[in-house]
Amino acid sequence: HKGFLEKIDQKLSNEKFVNGAPPKVIEGERKKKADAEAKIKALEESLERL
């Protein structure tokens, strides 16, 4: 999951991508990032309970 998140971060921090991509695409990437972060957080919390 973290590798996936890094890819999205790279896209969102790439000015050419952000300036050239349609708003829908940017919104989709941000949503993917939020979903991935939520999953990672949930996984980390469940690992702490073990």
PDB file of N, CA and C in Angstrom:
ATOM      1  N   HIS A   1       0.821  -1.211   0.000  1.00  0.00           N
ATOM      2  CA  HIS A   1       0.000   0.000   0.000  1.00  0.00           C
ATOM      3  C   HIS A   1       0.859   1.267   0.000  1.00  0.00           C
ATOM      4  N   LYS A   2       1.967   1.200   0.704  1.00  0.00           N
ATOM      5  CA  LYS A   2       2.779   2.414   0.801  1.00  0.00           C
ATOM      6  C   LYS A   2       3.420   2.780  -0.535  1.00  0.00           C
ATOM      7  N   GLY A   3       3.775   1.788  -1.340  1.00  0.00           N
ATOM      8  CA  GLY A   3       4.325   2.060  -2.665  1.00  0.00           C
ATOM      9  C   GLY A   3       3.293   2.739  -3.558  1.00  0.00           C
ATOM     10  N   PHE A   4       2.054   2.282  -3.442  1.00  0.00           N
ATOM     11  CA  PHE A   4       0.939   2.867  -4.186  1.00  0.00           C
ATOM     12  C   PHE A   4       0.760   4.334  -3.775  1.00  0.00           C
ATOM     13  N   LEU A   5       0.826   4.583  -2.474  1.00  0.00           N
ATOM     14  CA  LEU A   5       0.668   5.941  -1.946  1.00  0.00           C
ATOM     15  C   LEU A   5       1.796   6.849  -2.432  1.00  0.00           C
ATOM     16  N   GLU A   6       3.010   6.321  -2.478  1.00  0.00           N
ATOM     17  CA  GLU A   6       4.151   7.105  -2.960  1.00  0.00           C
ATOM     18  C   GLU A   6       3.945   7.523  -4.423  1.00  0.00           C
ATOM     19  N   LYS A   7       3.412   6.609  -5.245  1.00  0.00           N
ATOM     20  CA  LYS A   7       3.141   6.930  -6.656  1.00  0.00           C
ATOM     21  C   LYS A   7       2.158   8.083  -6.765  1.00  0.00           C
ATOM     22  N   ILE A   8       1.101   8.041  -5.977  1.00  0.00           N
ATOM     23  CA  ILE A   8       0.091   9.097  -6.010  1.00  0.00           C
ATOM     24  C   ILE A   8       0.699  10.412  -5.534  1.00  0.00           C
ATOM     25  N   ASP A   9       1.491  10.351  -4.462  1.00  0.00           N
ATOM     26  CA  ASP A   9       2.164  11.554  -3.961  1.00  0.00           C
ATOM     27  C   ASP A   9       3.053  12.165  -5.035  1.00  0.00           C
ATOM     28  N   GLN A  10       3.771  11.309  -5.761  1.00  0.00           N
ATOM     29  CA  GLN A  10       4.646  11.800  -6.829  1.00  0.00           C
ATOM     30  C   GLN A  10       3.827  12.508  -7.901  1.00  0.00           C
ATOM     31  N   LYS A  11       2.695  11.919  -8.266  1.00  0.00           N
ATOM     32  CA  LYS A  11       1.833  12.537  -9.277  1.00  0.00           C
ATOM     33  C   LYS A  11       1.337  13.889  -8.792  1.00  0.00           C
ATOM     34  N   LEU A  12       0.846  13.931  -7.551  1.00  0.00           N
ATOM     35  CA  LEU A  12       0.259  15.160  -7.029  1.00  0.00           C
ATOM     36  C   LEU A  12       1.304  16.235  -6.756  1.00  0.00           C
ATOM     37  N   SER A  13       2.560  15.830  -6.573  1.00  0.00           N
ATOM     38  CA  SER A  13       3.603  16.828  -6.347  1.00  0.00           C
ATOM     39  C   SER A  13       4.302  17.231  -7.646  1.00  0.00           C
ATOM     40  N   ASN A  14       3.904  16.581  -8.753  1.00  0.00           N
ATOM     41  CA  ASN A  14       4.451  16.905 -10.069  1.00  0.00           C
ATOM     42  C   ASN A  14       3.617  18.033 -10.676  1.00  0.00           C
ATOM     43  N   GLU A  15       4.219  19.225 -10.754  1.00  0.00           N
ATOM     44  CA  GLU A  15       3.472  20.389 -11.244  1.00  0.00           C
ATOM     45  C   GLU A  15       2.940  20.200 -12.663  1.00  0.00           C
ATOM     46  N   LYS A  16       3.721  19.564 -13.524  1.00  0.00           N
ATOM     47  CA  LYS A  16       3.269  19.339 -14.910  1.00  0.00           C
ATOM     48  C   LYS A  16       2.003  18.487 -14.923  1.00  0.00           C
ATOM     49  N   PHE A  17       1.995  17.454 -14.081  1.00  0.00           N
ATOM     50  CA  PHE A  17       0.818  16.578 -14.013  1.00  0.00           C
ATOM     51  C   PHE A  17      -0.385  17.364 -13.495  1.00  0.00           C
ATOM     52  N   VAL A  18      -0.198  18.070 -12.382  1.00  0.00           N
ATOM     53  CA  VAL A  18      -1.293  18.802 -11.754  1.00  0.00           C
ATOM     54  C   VAL A  18      -1.825  19.915 -12.669  1.00  0.00           C
ATOM     55  N   ASN A  19      -0.918  20.626 -13.334  1.00  0.00           N
ATOM     56  CA  ASN A  19      -1.343  21.715 -14.218  1.00  0.00           C
ATOM     57  C   ASN A  19      -1.952  21.208 -15.523  1.00  0.00           C
ATOM     58  N   GLY A  20      -1.528  20.017 -15.963  1.00  0.00           N
ATOM     59  CA  GLY A  20      -1.989  19.502 -17.243  1.00  0.00           C
ATOM     60  C   GLY A  20      -3.179  18.571 -17.164  1.00  0.00           C
ATOM     61  N   ALA A  21      -3.408  18.005 -15.987  1.00  0.00           N
ATOM     62  CA  ALA A  21      -4.485  17.023 -15.850  1.00  0.00           C
ATOM     63  C   ALA A  21      -5.833  17.713 -15.635  1.00  0.00           C
ATOM     64  N   PRO A  22      -6.898  17.106 -16.138  1.00  0.00           N
ATOM     65  CA  PRO A  22      -8.234  17.667 -15.893  1.00  0.00           C
ATOM     66  C   PRO A  22      -8.564  17.602 -14.396  1.00  0.00           C
ATOM     67  N   PRO A  23      -9.360  18.544 -13.897  1.00  0.00           N
ATOM     68  CA  PRO A  23      -9.720  18.541 -12.465  1.00  0.00           C
ATOM     69  C   PRO A  23     -10.279  17.205 -11.980  1.00  0.00           C
ATOM     70  N   LYS A  24     -11.037  16.517 -12.846  1.00  0.00           N
ATOM     71  CA  LYS A  24     -11.601  15.208 -12.467  1.00  0.00           C
ATOM     72  C   LYS A  24     -10.496  14.208 -12.129  1.00  0.00           C
ATOM     73  N   VAL A  25      -9.422  14.244 -12.915  1.00  0.00           N
ATOM     74  CA  VAL A  25      -8.297  13.316 -12.708  1.00  0.00           C
ATOM     75  C   VAL A  25      -7.610  13.626 -11.377  1.00  0.00           C
ATOM     76  N   ILE A  26      -7.373  14.914 -11.125  1.00  0.00           N
ATOM     77  CA  ILE A  26      -6.736  15.332  -9.869  1.00  0.00           C
ATOM     78  C   ILE A  26      -7.592  14.899  -8.685  1.00  0.00           C
ATOM     79  N   GLU A  27      -8.894  15.140  -8.808  1.00  0.00           N
ATOM     80  CA  GLU A  27      -9.837  14.762  -7.743  1.00  0.00           C
ATOM     81  C   GLU A  27      -9.774  13.252  -7.502  1.00  0.00           C
ATOM     82  N   GLY A  28      -9.718  12.488  -8.591  1.00  0.00           N
ATOM     83  CA  GLY A  28      -9.631  11.030  -8.478  1.00  0.00           C
ATOM     84  C   GLY A  28      -8.362  10.592  -7.768  1.00  0.00           C
ATOM     85  N   GLU A  29      -7.240  11.222  -8.096  1.00  0.00           N
ATOM     86  CA  GLU A  29      -5.964  10.884  -7.457  1.00  0.00           C
ATOM     87  C   GLU A  29      -6.006  11.226  -5.968  1.00  0.00           C
ATOM     88  N   ARG A  30      -6.599  12.379  -5.642  1.00  0.00           N
ATOM     89  CA  ARG A  30      -6.704  12.781  -4.229  1.00  0.00           C
ATOM     90  C   ARG A  30      -7.577  11.806  -3.455  1.00  0.00           C
ATOM     91  N   LYS A  31      -8.634  11.329  -4.094  1.00  0.00           N
ATOM     92  CA  LYS A  31      -9.526  10.364  -3.445  1.00  0.00           C
ATOM     93  C   LYS A  31      -8.793   9.043  -3.231  1.00  0.00           C
ATOM     94  N   LYS A  32      -8.050   8.605  -4.251  1.00  0.00           N
ATOM     95  CA  LYS A  32      -7.257   7.368  -4.119  1.00  0.00           C
ATOM     96  C   LYS A  32      -6.274   7.501  -2.971  1.00  0.00           C
ATOM     97  N   LYS A  33      -5.638   8.673  -2.875  1.00  0.00           N
ATOM     98  CA  LYS A  33      -4.659   8.917  -1.821  1.00  0.00           C
ATOM     99  C   LYS A  33      -5.334   8.837  -0.444  1.00  0.00           C
ATOM    100  N   ALA A  34      -6.487   9.477  -0.310  1.00  0.00           N
ATOM    101  CA  ALA A  34      -7.220   9.461   0.961  1.00  0.00           C
ATOM    102  C   ALA A  34      -7.627   8.029   1.323  1.00  0.00           C
ATOM    103  N   ASP A  35      -8.106   7.273   0.339  1.00  0.00           N
ATOM    104  CA  ASP A  35      -8.500   5.882   0.574  1.00  0.00           C
ATOM    105  C   ASP A  35      -7.305   5.040   1.011  1.00  0.00           C
ATOM    106  N   ALA A  36      -6.178   5.222   0.331  1.00  0.00           N
ATOM    107  CA  ALA A  36      -4.973   4.461   0.657  1.00  0.00           C
ATOM    108  C   ALA A  36      -4.491   4.816   2.066  1.00  0.00           C
ATOM    109  N   GLU A  37      -4.519   6.104   2.405  1.00  0.00           N
ATOM    110  CA  GLU A  37      -4.091   6.527   3.742  1.00  0.00           C
ATOM    111  C   GLU A  37      -4.991   5.935   4.812  1.00  0.00           C
ATOM    112  N   ALA A  38      -6.291   5.906   4.554  1.00  0.00           N
ATOM    113  CA  ALA A  38      -7.243   5.337   5.507  1.00  0.00           C
ATOM    114  C   ALA A  38      -6.976   3.846   5.705  1.00  0.00           C
ATOM    115  N   LYS A  39      -6.701   3.131   4.609  1.00  0.00           N
ATOM    116  CA  LYS A  39      -6.409   1.699   4.701  1.00  0.00           C
ATOM    117  C   LYS A  39      -5.132   1.444   5.492  1.00  0.00           C
ATOM    118  N   ILE A  40      -4.094   2.237   5.204  1.00  0.00           N
ATOM    119  CA  ILE A  40      -2.820   2.083   5.900  1.00  0.00           C
ATOM    120  C   ILE A  40      -3.006   2.352   7.392  1.00  0.00           C
ATOM    121  N   LYS A  41      -3.752   3.400   7.707  1.00  0.00           N
ATOM    122  CA  LYS A  41      -4.001   3.737   9.112  1.00  0.00           C
ATOM    123  C   LYS A  41      -4.739   2.595   9.813  1.00  0.00           C
ATOM    124  N   ALA A  42      -5.752   2.042   9.165  1.00  0.00           N
ATOM    125  CA  ALA A  42      -6.514   0.937   9.735  1.00  0.00           C
ATOM    126  C   ALA A  42      -5.624  -0.287   9.948  1.00  0.00           C
ATOM    127  N   LEU A  43      -4.751  -0.576   8.975  1.00  0.00           N
ATOM    128  CA  LEU A  43      -3.823  -1.704   9.098  1.00  0.00           C
ATOM    129  C   LEU A  43      -2.865  -1.498  10.264  1.00  0.00           C
ATOM    130  N   GLU A  44      -2.331  -0.275  10.377  1.00  0.00           N
ATOM    131  CA  GLU A  44      -1.383   0.016  11.459  1.00  0.00           C
ATOM    132  C   GLU A  44      -2.065  -0.104  12.813  1.00  0.00           C
ATOM    133  N   GLU A  45      -3.301   0.362  12.900  1.00  0.00           N
ATOM    134  CA  GLU A  45      -4.039   0.269  14.174  1.00  0.00           C
ATOM    135  C   GLU A  45      -4.320  -1.178  14.536  1.00  0.00           C
ATOM    136  N   SER A  46      -4.669  -2.006  13.542  1.00  0.00           N
ATOM    137  CA  SER A  46      -4.929  -3.403  13.857  1.00  0.00           C
ATOM    138  C   SER A  46      -3.651  -4.146  14.219  1.00  0.00           C
ATOM    139  N   LEU A  47      -2.518  -3.727  13.666  1.00  0.00           N
ATOM    140  CA  LEU A  47      -1.240  -4.325  14.034  1.00  0.00           C
ATOM    141  C   LEU A  47      -0.868  -3.985  15.475  1.00  0.00           C
ATOM    142  N   GLU A  48      -1.194  -2.765  15.896  1.00  0.00           N
ATOM    143  CA  GLU A  48      -0.886  -2.347  17.269  1.00  0.00           C
ATOM    144  C   GLU A  48      -1.668  -3.172  18.291  1.00  0.00           C
ATOM    145  N   ARG A  49      -2.859  -3.638  17.896  1.00  0.00           N
ATOM    146  CA  ARG A  49      -3.696  -4.411  18.816  1.00  0.00           C
ATOM    147  C   ARG A  49      -3.173  -5.832  19.032  1.00  0.00           C
ATOM    148  N   LEU A  50      -2.357  -6.318  18.122  1.00  0.00           N
ATOM    149  CA  LEU A  50      -1.832  -7.688  18.221  1.00  0.00           C
ATOM    150  C   LEU A  50      -0.883  -7.860  19.392  1.00  0.00           C
TER     151      LEU A  50
END
